[in-house]
Protein backbone atom coordinates (compact mmCIF):
# COMPACT_ATOMS: atom_id res chain seq x y z
CA MET A 1 17.93 3.46 -5.83
CA ARG A 2 19.51 1.61 -2.95
CA GLY A 3 21.82 -1.31 -3.53
CA ALA A 4 23.36 -3.92 -1.25
CA VAL A 5 23.04 -3.26 2.46
CA SER A 6 26.38 -3.62 4.21
CA GLY A 7 26.86 -2.78 7.86
CA PRO A 8 25.77 0.73 8.78
CA ARG A 9 26.03 2.02 5.22
CA ILE A 10 24.22 1.76 1.88
CA ARG A 11 26.01 1.07 -1.39
CA PHE A 12 24.43 2.85 -4.34
CA ARG A 13 24.74 1.46 -7.84
CA SER A 14 27.28 4.22 -8.47
CA GLY A 15 29.49 2.67 -5.80
CA VAL A 16 29.30 5.74 -3.53
CA ARG A 17 28.80 4.91 0.14
CA VAL A 18 26.78 7.13 2.44
CA SER A 19 25.79 6.77 6.05
CA PHE A 20 22.24 5.90 7.10
CA ARG A 21 22.40 9.18 9.02
CA ASP A 22 22.08 10.95 5.67
CA PHE A 23 18.54 9.61 5.29
CA MET A 24 15.38 10.39 7.16
CA PRO A 25 13.80 7.35 8.79
CA VAL A 26 10.58 6.05 7.26
CA PRO A 27 8.21 5.02 10.07
CA LEU A 28 5.79 2.13 9.75
CA PHE A 29 3.05 4.53 10.87
CA ASP A 30 3.10 8.31 10.63
CA THR A 31 0.30 9.41 12.93
CA LYS A 32 1.89 12.79 13.65
CA THR A 33 2.26 14.53 10.29
CA PRO A 34 -1.39 14.30 9.12
CA LEU A 35 -2.52 15.90 12.39
CA GLU A 36 -0.14 18.86 12.34
CA PRO A 37 -2.47 21.14 10.31
CA LEU A 38 -5.28 20.30 12.76
CA HIS A 39 -3.57 21.28 16.01
CA ALA A 40 -5.55 24.49 16.44
CA GLU A 41 -8.88 22.75 15.80
CA LEU A 42 -7.98 19.85 18.07
CA ARG A 43 -7.03 22.21 20.90
CA ALA A 44 -10.25 24.12 20.39
CA ALA A 45 -12.21 20.88 20.62
CA ILE A 46 -10.47 20.01 23.88
CA ASP A 47 -11.17 23.47 25.28
CA SER A 48 -14.81 23.19 24.28
CA VAL A 49 -15.22 19.94 26.20
CA LEU A 50 -13.40 21.36 29.23
CA THR A 51 -15.65 24.40 29.20
CA SER A 52 -18.82 22.35 28.82
CA GLY A 53 -18.16 20.20 31.88
CA ALA A 54 -19.81 17.24 30.10
CA PHE A 55 -17.34 14.38 29.87
CA VAL A 56 -19.33 11.15 29.43
CA LEU A 57 -22.13 10.44 26.91
CA GLY A 58 -22.75 14.09 26.16
CA PRO A 59 -23.33 16.17 23.03
CA GLU A 60 -19.96 15.39 21.41
CA VAL A 61 -20.58 11.65 21.51
CA GLU A 62 -24.11 12.09 20.18
CA ALA A 63 -22.87 14.33 17.35
CA PHE A 64 -20.04 11.98 16.42
CA GLU A 65 -22.41 9.01 16.38
CA ARG A 66 -24.70 10.83 13.92
CA GLU A 67 -21.84 12.00 11.73
CA PHE A 68 -20.04 8.65 11.66
CA ALA A 69 -23.24 6.76 10.82
CA ALA A 70 -23.96 9.21 8.00
CA TYR A 71 -20.42 8.86 6.66
CA LEU A 72 -20.73 5.07 6.54
CA GLY A 73 -24.28 5.03 5.24
CA ALA A 74 -25.40 3.14 8.34
CA GLY A 75 -28.59 3.81 10.25
CA HIS A 76 -26.97 3.94 13.69
CA ALA A 77 -23.59 4.27 15.38
CA VAL A 78 -22.99 3.74 19.09
CA GLY A 79 -19.73 4.86 20.67
CA VAL A 80 -18.01 2.43 23.03
CA ALA A 81 -14.71 2.30 24.93
CA ASN A 82 -12.62 0.31 22.44
CA GLY A 83 -12.78 -2.00 19.46
CA THR A 84 -12.49 -5.24 21.43
CA GLU A 85 -15.44 -4.52 23.68
CA ALA A 86 -17.32 -3.35 20.60
CA ILE A 87 -17.16 -6.93 19.26
CA THR A 88 -18.25 -8.51 22.56
CA ILE A 89 -21.14 -6.08 22.92
CA ALA A 90 -22.20 -6.53 19.30
CA LEU A 91 -22.21 -10.31 19.69
CA LYS A 92 -24.30 -10.06 22.85
CA ALA A 93 -26.72 -7.74 21.06
CA LEU A 94 -27.11 -10.50 18.44
CA GLY A 95 -28.07 -12.90 21.22
CA VAL A 96 -24.83 -14.88 21.15
CA GLY A 97 -24.32 -16.84 24.36
CA PRO A 98 -23.32 -20.15 25.96
CA GLY A 99 -23.67 -23.12 23.64
CA ASP A 100 -23.28 -21.01 20.51
CA GLU A 101 -20.37 -20.94 18.08
CA VAL A 102 -18.92 -17.87 16.39
CA ILE A 103 -16.77 -18.30 13.29
CA VAL A 104 -13.72 -16.05 13.14
CA PRO A 105 -10.60 -16.03 10.94
CA SER A 106 -7.36 -16.96 12.65
CA PHE A 107 -5.27 -14.65 10.46
CA THR A 108 -6.28 -11.46 12.27
CA PHE A 109 -5.45 -9.51 15.39
CA TYR A 110 -6.01 -11.62 18.50
CA ALA A 111 -8.81 -9.34 19.76
CA SER A 112 -11.16 -10.55 17.00
CA ALA A 113 -11.16 -13.96 18.68
CA GLU A 114 -10.59 -12.77 22.25
CA ALA A 115 -13.92 -10.93 22.20
CA ILE A 116 -15.91 -14.16 21.73
CA PRO A 117 -15.39 -16.14 24.99
CA PRO A 118 -16.75 -13.33 27.23
CA THR A 119 -20.14 -13.99 25.62
CA GLY A 120 -19.99 -17.64 26.70
CA ALA A 121 -19.79 -18.77 23.06
CA THR A 122 -17.05 -20.85 21.45
CA PRO A 123 -14.71 -19.40 18.80
CA VAL A 124 -14.43 -21.56 15.68
CA PHE A 125 -11.48 -20.65 13.49
CA CYS A 126 -11.62 -20.51 9.71
CA ASP A 127 -9.08 -19.94 6.96
CA VAL A 128 -8.83 -16.92 4.65
CA ASP A 129 -8.41 -16.21 0.96
CA PRO A 130 -4.70 -16.17 0.01
CA ASP A 131 -5.10 -13.11 -2.22
CA THR A 132 -7.29 -10.79 -0.13
CA PHE A 133 -6.48 -12.15 3.38
CA CYS A 134 -10.24 -12.06 4.12
CA VAL A 135 -12.79 -14.75 4.89
CA THR A 136 -14.94 -16.04 2.05
CA PRO A 137 -18.15 -18.04 1.84
CA ASP A 138 -16.07 -21.15 1.18
CA THR A 139 -13.75 -20.71 4.16
CA VAL A 140 -16.74 -20.04 6.41
CA ARG A 141 -18.85 -22.89 5.04
CA ALA A 142 -16.02 -25.33 5.76
CA VAL A 143 -16.43 -24.88 9.53
CA MET A 144 -20.14 -24.07 9.90
CA THR A 145 -22.27 -26.25 12.17
CA PRO A 146 -25.88 -26.07 13.41
CA ARG A 147 -24.49 -24.22 16.44
CA THR A 148 -23.06 -21.33 14.38
CA LYS A 149 -24.74 -18.19 15.71
CA ALA A 150 -22.63 -15.49 14.06
CA ILE A 151 -19.72 -14.98 11.67
CA ILE A 152 -17.03 -12.35 12.19
CA ALA A 153 -15.83 -11.08 8.81
CA VAL A 154 -12.63 -9.11 9.33
CA HIS A 155 -11.86 -6.44 6.75
CA LEU A 156 -8.19 -7.19 7.23
CA PHE A 157 -5.61 -4.49 6.52
CA GLY A 158 -8.40 -2.35 5.04
CA ASN A 159 -9.46 -4.83 2.37
CA VAL A 160 -13.18 -5.58 2.12
CA ALA A 161 -14.56 -9.05 2.86
CA PRO A 162 -17.52 -10.31 0.77
CA VAL A 163 -20.07 -9.71 3.51
CA LYS A 164 -23.24 -10.04 1.43
CA GLU A 165 -22.13 -13.39 0.01
CA ILE A 166 -21.25 -14.70 3.46
CA GLU A 167 -24.53 -13.47 4.92
CA ALA A 168 -26.32 -15.50 2.23
CA LEU A 169 -25.21 -18.58 4.18
CA GLY A 170 -28.03 -17.71 6.59
CA VAL A 171 -26.12 -16.55 9.66
CA PRO A 172 -25.71 -12.93 10.85
CA VAL A 173 -22.38 -11.35 9.90
CA LEU A 174 -20.50 -9.06 12.25
CA GLU A 175 -18.05 -6.90 10.33
CA ASP A 176 -14.81 -6.31 12.21
CA ALA A 177 -14.00 -3.04 10.45
CA ALA A 178 -11.30 -1.90 12.88
CA GLN A 179 -8.78 -1.60 10.03
CA ALA A 180 -11.15 -0.46 7.29
CA ALA A 181 -12.37 3.06 8.08
CA GLY A 182 -12.28 4.89 4.76
CA SER A 183 -12.43 1.78 2.56
CA ARG A 184 -15.12 1.46 -0.10
CA SER A 185 -16.77 -1.30 -2.09
CA GLU A 186 -19.39 -1.60 -4.79
CA GLN A 187 -21.89 -2.59 -2.10
CA GLY A 188 -21.07 0.29 0.23
CA ARG A 189 -18.64 1.09 2.98
CA PRO A 190 -17.45 -1.39 5.60
CA GLY A 191 -19.59 -0.80 8.65
CA ALA A 192 -22.84 -0.77 6.68
CA LEU A 193 -22.65 -4.08 4.81
CA GLY A 194 -23.67 -6.72 7.36
CA THR A 195 -26.03 -7.14 10.28
CA ILE A 196 -23.75 -5.26 12.67
CA ALA A 197 -20.21 -3.90 12.60
CA THR A 198 -17.47 -2.75 14.93
CA PHE A 199 -14.68 -0.18 14.77
CA SER A 200 -11.60 0.67 16.76
CA PHE A 201 -10.31 4.24 17.07
CA PHE A 202 -6.92 3.27 18.49
CA PRO A 203 -4.48 6.09 17.60
CA SER A 204 -2.77 4.17 14.78
CA LYS A 205 -6.04 3.36 12.99
CA ASN A 206 -7.13 5.15 9.81
CA LEU A 207 -9.44 7.25 11.99
CA GLY A 208 -7.69 7.43 15.34
CA ALA A 209 -8.49 9.00 18.68
CA MET A 210 -5.90 10.31 21.16
CA GLY A 211 -6.50 7.23 23.28
CA ASP A 212 -8.84 4.28 23.18
CA GLY A 213 -12.26 4.35 21.55
CA GLY A 214 -14.60 2.27 19.45
CA ALA A 215 -18.03 2.08 17.87
CA VAL A 216 -20.74 -0.36 16.89
CA THR A 217 -22.75 0.39 13.74
CA THR A 218 -25.90 -1.19 12.34
CA ASN A 219 -28.98 -0.50 10.25
CA ASP A 220 -31.18 -2.26 12.80
CA ALA A 221 -32.74 0.14 15.31
CA GLU A 222 -33.46 -2.62 17.82
CA LEU A 223 -29.88 -3.84 17.74
CA ALA A 224 -28.63 -0.25 18.19
CA ALA A 225 -30.87 0.22 21.22
CA LYS A 226 -29.58 -3.00 22.75
CA VAL A 227 -25.97 -1.93 22.17
CA GLN A 228 -26.72 1.38 23.88
CA MET A 229 -28.00 -0.52 26.90
CA LEU A 230 -25.12 -2.99 26.96
CA ARG A 231 -22.49 -0.24 26.89
CA PHE A 232 -24.04 1.27 30.04
CA HIS A 233 -24.50 -1.60 32.50
CA GLY A 234 -27.53 -2.98 30.65
CA SER A 235 -29.69 0.04 31.41
CA HIS A 236 -31.52 2.58 29.31
CA ASP A 237 -32.28 5.03 32.11
CA LYS A 238 -29.55 4.50 34.78
CA VAL A 239 -32.27 3.27 37.15
CA THR A 240 -33.52 -0.07 35.86
CA PHE A 241 -30.91 -2.63 34.75
CA ASP A 242 -32.46 -5.14 32.39
CA LEU A 243 -29.25 -6.77 31.18
CA VAL A 244 -25.85 -7.70 32.56
CA GLY A 245 -23.93 -5.19 30.52
CA HIS A 246 -20.61 -3.37 30.40
CA ASN A 247 -19.15 -0.07 31.44
CA SER A 248 -17.90 0.74 27.96
CA ARG A 249 -18.43 4.26 26.69
CA LEU A 250 -16.71 6.52 24.21
CA ASP A 251 -15.89 9.64 26.21
CA GLU A 252 -16.64 13.21 25.18
CA MET A 253 -13.02 14.23 24.68
CA GLN A 254 -12.26 11.43 22.25
CA ALA A 255 -15.53 12.03 20.39
CA ALA A 256 -14.69 15.71 19.99
CA LEU A 257 -11.24 14.89 18.61
CA LEU A 258 -12.67 12.31 16.23
CA ARG A 259 -15.19 14.85 14.92
CA VAL A 260 -12.34 17.14 13.88
CA GLN A 261 -10.70 14.33 11.91
CA LEU A 262 -13.71 12.63 10.32
CA PRO A 263 -14.13 15.21 7.50
CA LEU A 264 -10.57 14.44 6.39
CA LEU A 265 -10.90 10.65 6.41
CA ASP A 266 -11.60 10.39 2.69
CA ASP A 267 -8.62 12.60 1.82
CA TRP A 268 -6.40 10.51 4.09
CA SER A 269 -7.75 7.34 2.50
CA GLU A 270 -6.88 8.64 -0.95
CA GLY A 271 -3.39 9.33 0.39
CA ARG A 272 -3.11 5.71 1.51
CA ARG A 273 -4.22 4.46 -1.88
CA ALA A 274 -1.75 6.79 -3.57
CA ALA A 275 1.06 5.47 -1.37
CA ALA A 276 0.22 1.92 -2.46
CA GLY A 277 0.46 3.15 -6.04
CA TYR A 278 3.91 4.61 -5.39
CA TYR A 279 5.14 1.19 -4.33
CA ALA A 280 3.83 -0.33 -7.53
CA GLU A 281 5.43 2.44 -9.61
CA ALA A 282 8.78 1.80 -7.91
CA GLY A 283 8.68 -1.84 -8.96
CA LEU A 284 7.90 -3.49 -5.64
CA GLY A 285 5.73 -6.05 -7.41
CA GLU A 286 8.84 -7.33 -9.21
CA LEU A 287 10.31 -8.33 -5.86
CA VAL A 288 7.47 -9.48 -3.61
CA THR A 289 3.79 -10.33 -3.76
CA LEU A 290 1.73 -7.17 -3.32
CA PRO A 291 -1.64 -7.06 -1.55
CA ASN A 292 -4.65 -7.46 -3.82
CA ALA A 293 -7.81 -5.44 -3.49
CA ALA A 294 -10.91 -7.60 -3.25
CA PRO A 295 -13.13 -7.48 -6.37
CA GLY A 296 -15.02 -4.19 -6.46
CA ALA A 297 -13.15 -2.82 -3.42
CA GLU A 298 -11.07 0.32 -2.95
CA PRO A 299 -9.17 -0.38 0.27
CA ALA A 300 -7.93 2.45 2.46
CA TRP A 301 -4.91 0.35 3.35
CA HIS A 302 -4.46 0.42 7.12
CA LEU A 303 -1.43 -1.81 6.69
CA TYR A 304 0.40 -2.51 3.45
CA VAL A 305 1.36 -6.15 3.75
CA ILE A 306 3.70 -7.84 1.30
CA LEU A 307 4.47 -11.55 0.99
CA HIS A 308 7.82 -13.24 0.48
CA ASP A 309 9.58 -16.35 1.75
CA ARG A 310 12.45 -14.20 3.07
CA VAL A 311 10.48 -11.61 5.04
CA ASP A 312 12.78 -11.93 8.07
CA ASP A 313 15.76 -10.95 5.90
CA VAL A 314 13.76 -8.06 4.45
CA ALA A 315 12.68 -6.87 7.90
CA ALA A 316 16.26 -6.95 9.17
CA ALA A 317 17.51 -4.91 6.22
CA LEU A 318 14.71 -2.38 6.55
CA GLY A 319 15.45 -1.98 10.23
CA GLN A 320 19.10 -1.38 9.49
CA ALA A 321 18.04 1.33 7.05
CA ARG A 322 15.78 2.93 9.69
CA ILE A 323 12.67 1.88 7.79
CA GLY A 324 9.78 0.57 9.83
CA SER A 325 8.27 -2.87 9.24
CA LYS A 326 6.48 -5.50 11.29
CA VAL A 327 5.35 -9.11 11.14
CA TYR A 328 1.95 -9.01 12.81
CA TYR A 329 0.52 -12.50 13.01
CA ARG A 330 3.48 -14.91 13.07
CA VAL A 331 1.51 -16.91 15.66
CA PRO A 332 -2.09 -16.96 14.37
CA ALA A 333 -4.96 -16.48 16.77
CA HIS A 334 -5.91 -20.16 16.94
CA GLN A 335 -2.38 -21.05 18.08
CA GLN A 336 -2.17 -18.42 20.81
CA PRO A 337 -1.92 -20.01 24.29
CA ALA A 338 -5.31 -18.70 25.44
CA MET A 339 -7.04 -20.08 22.33
CA ARG A 340 -5.55 -23.59 22.21
CA GLU A 341 -8.59 -24.98 23.99
CA TRP A 342 -10.61 -24.19 20.88
CA GLY A 343 -8.03 -23.93 18.12
CA ASP A 344 -5.64 -26.86 18.52
CA SER A 345 -7.41 -29.05 15.99
CA ALA A 346 -7.88 -26.36 13.35
CA GLU A 347 -6.20 -27.05 10.01
CA LEU A 348 -5.73 -23.73 8.23
CA PRO A 349 -3.09 -24.07 5.50
CA VAL A 350 -3.44 -20.59 4.02
CA THR A 351 -3.20 -19.00 7.46
CA ALA A 352 -0.09 -21.07 8.21
CA LYS A 353 1.57 -19.91 5.00
CA LEU A 354 0.63 -16.25 5.43
CA ALA A 355 1.85 -16.26 9.02
CA GLN A 356 5.36 -17.13 7.84
CA THR A 357 5.56 -14.92 4.76
CA HIS A 358 3.85 -11.60 5.53
CA LEU A 359 5.44 -8.27 6.39
CA ALA A 360 3.88 -4.84 6.84
CA ILE A 361 5.92 -2.00 5.36
CA PRO A 362 5.45 1.77 5.83
CA LEU A 363 2.15 3.27 4.77
CA SER A 364 0.41 6.47 5.76
CA PRO A 365 -1.66 9.22 4.12
CA VAL A 366 1.51 11.27 3.71
CA LEU A 367 3.99 8.64 2.50
CA SER A 368 5.78 10.25 -0.41
CA ARG A 369 6.86 8.82 -3.75
CA GLU A 370 10.47 9.32 -2.64
CA GLN A 371 9.93 7.43 0.60
CA ALA A 372 8.28 4.57 -1.26
CA ALA A 373 11.24 4.40 -3.64
CA GLU A 374 13.58 4.36 -0.64
CA VAL A 375 11.72 1.38 0.86
CA VAL A 376 11.67 -0.49 -2.45
CA GLY A 377 15.38 0.19 -2.92
CA ALA A 378 16.21 -1.37 0.42
CA ILE A 379 14.07 -4.40 -0.36
CA ARG A 380 15.63 -4.75 -3.82
CA SER A 381 19.09 -4.65 -2.29
CA THR A 382 18.24 -7.49 0.06
CA LEU A 383 16.45 -9.76 -2.38
CA SER A 384 18.98 -9.19 -5.18
């Protein structure tokens, strides 16, 4: 177990000093190791696409859409270029436009809010639950107005927001499931809980491409058809353009690479849950506040985010020990310069507190019990 951090060395309880060079670094993300056994299959997938000569909206995209929808338990999946455009397109498919309001949490990645203004609608920021970091019916109800057209429920860090309960408020719910691929709940998987949902396949996500990519999922065939049109210039046949759409398509290469990985997503998710368990076993909960799974949820933790009043001290010590960590939302979305027009008057006390006290520490499907103990040791040294 690590003791007090001092300069470039670590003091063990035994008093022996060793250099940080004697320890392997623990990255915040390990996107490389899980893919190493798949290199041959990934190369074969690339070769197959190169040989086919079909690079945009071809058989790989169609196959991935079917397979991903089946995995989620959703009726339809539509591949798009990235997770941000997925939200904008999904909102437009719902009919969101000028004069409408879309409720979105402020404690989330900026893109969740950034995707709203391109529809012409106004983002309205709400607070989150202090235990799950997700929106709730109460936090949404507090900012609802007659102009509310949609609610974005972010499954933050892989936790699962109470979508069904929020949808009971009478407004369509868009699930931002960018961080929740592989999570489960008693009501189903994120991506098949609300009216429509969006995913990002950025390389660091639980299911990551080798570049940008995203998807929109829904059980509504009409919504799926509209999303398909919106992703391709508002056309269904490349001849007649009924909508002002987007050029936003998941390409064949990324779809092929995602298809290789999708069968392993559940195994990787179990690895993430196991890693969270290693932290608990090592006593991390004695030092900081651990993330809480929402009732009935089994999160596939995309990020493992702890809370403490001294997170800056913890982050500095972890960095010195070559352990990755990151404060993600120190400036919440509603306080970002581009959002001040809509967010200046928002009073979000939980968001304000979380912004100052959260820290993501290493988590991946292959984080070992020893690595978790190493991280906890460094944190214990700092907070002791």
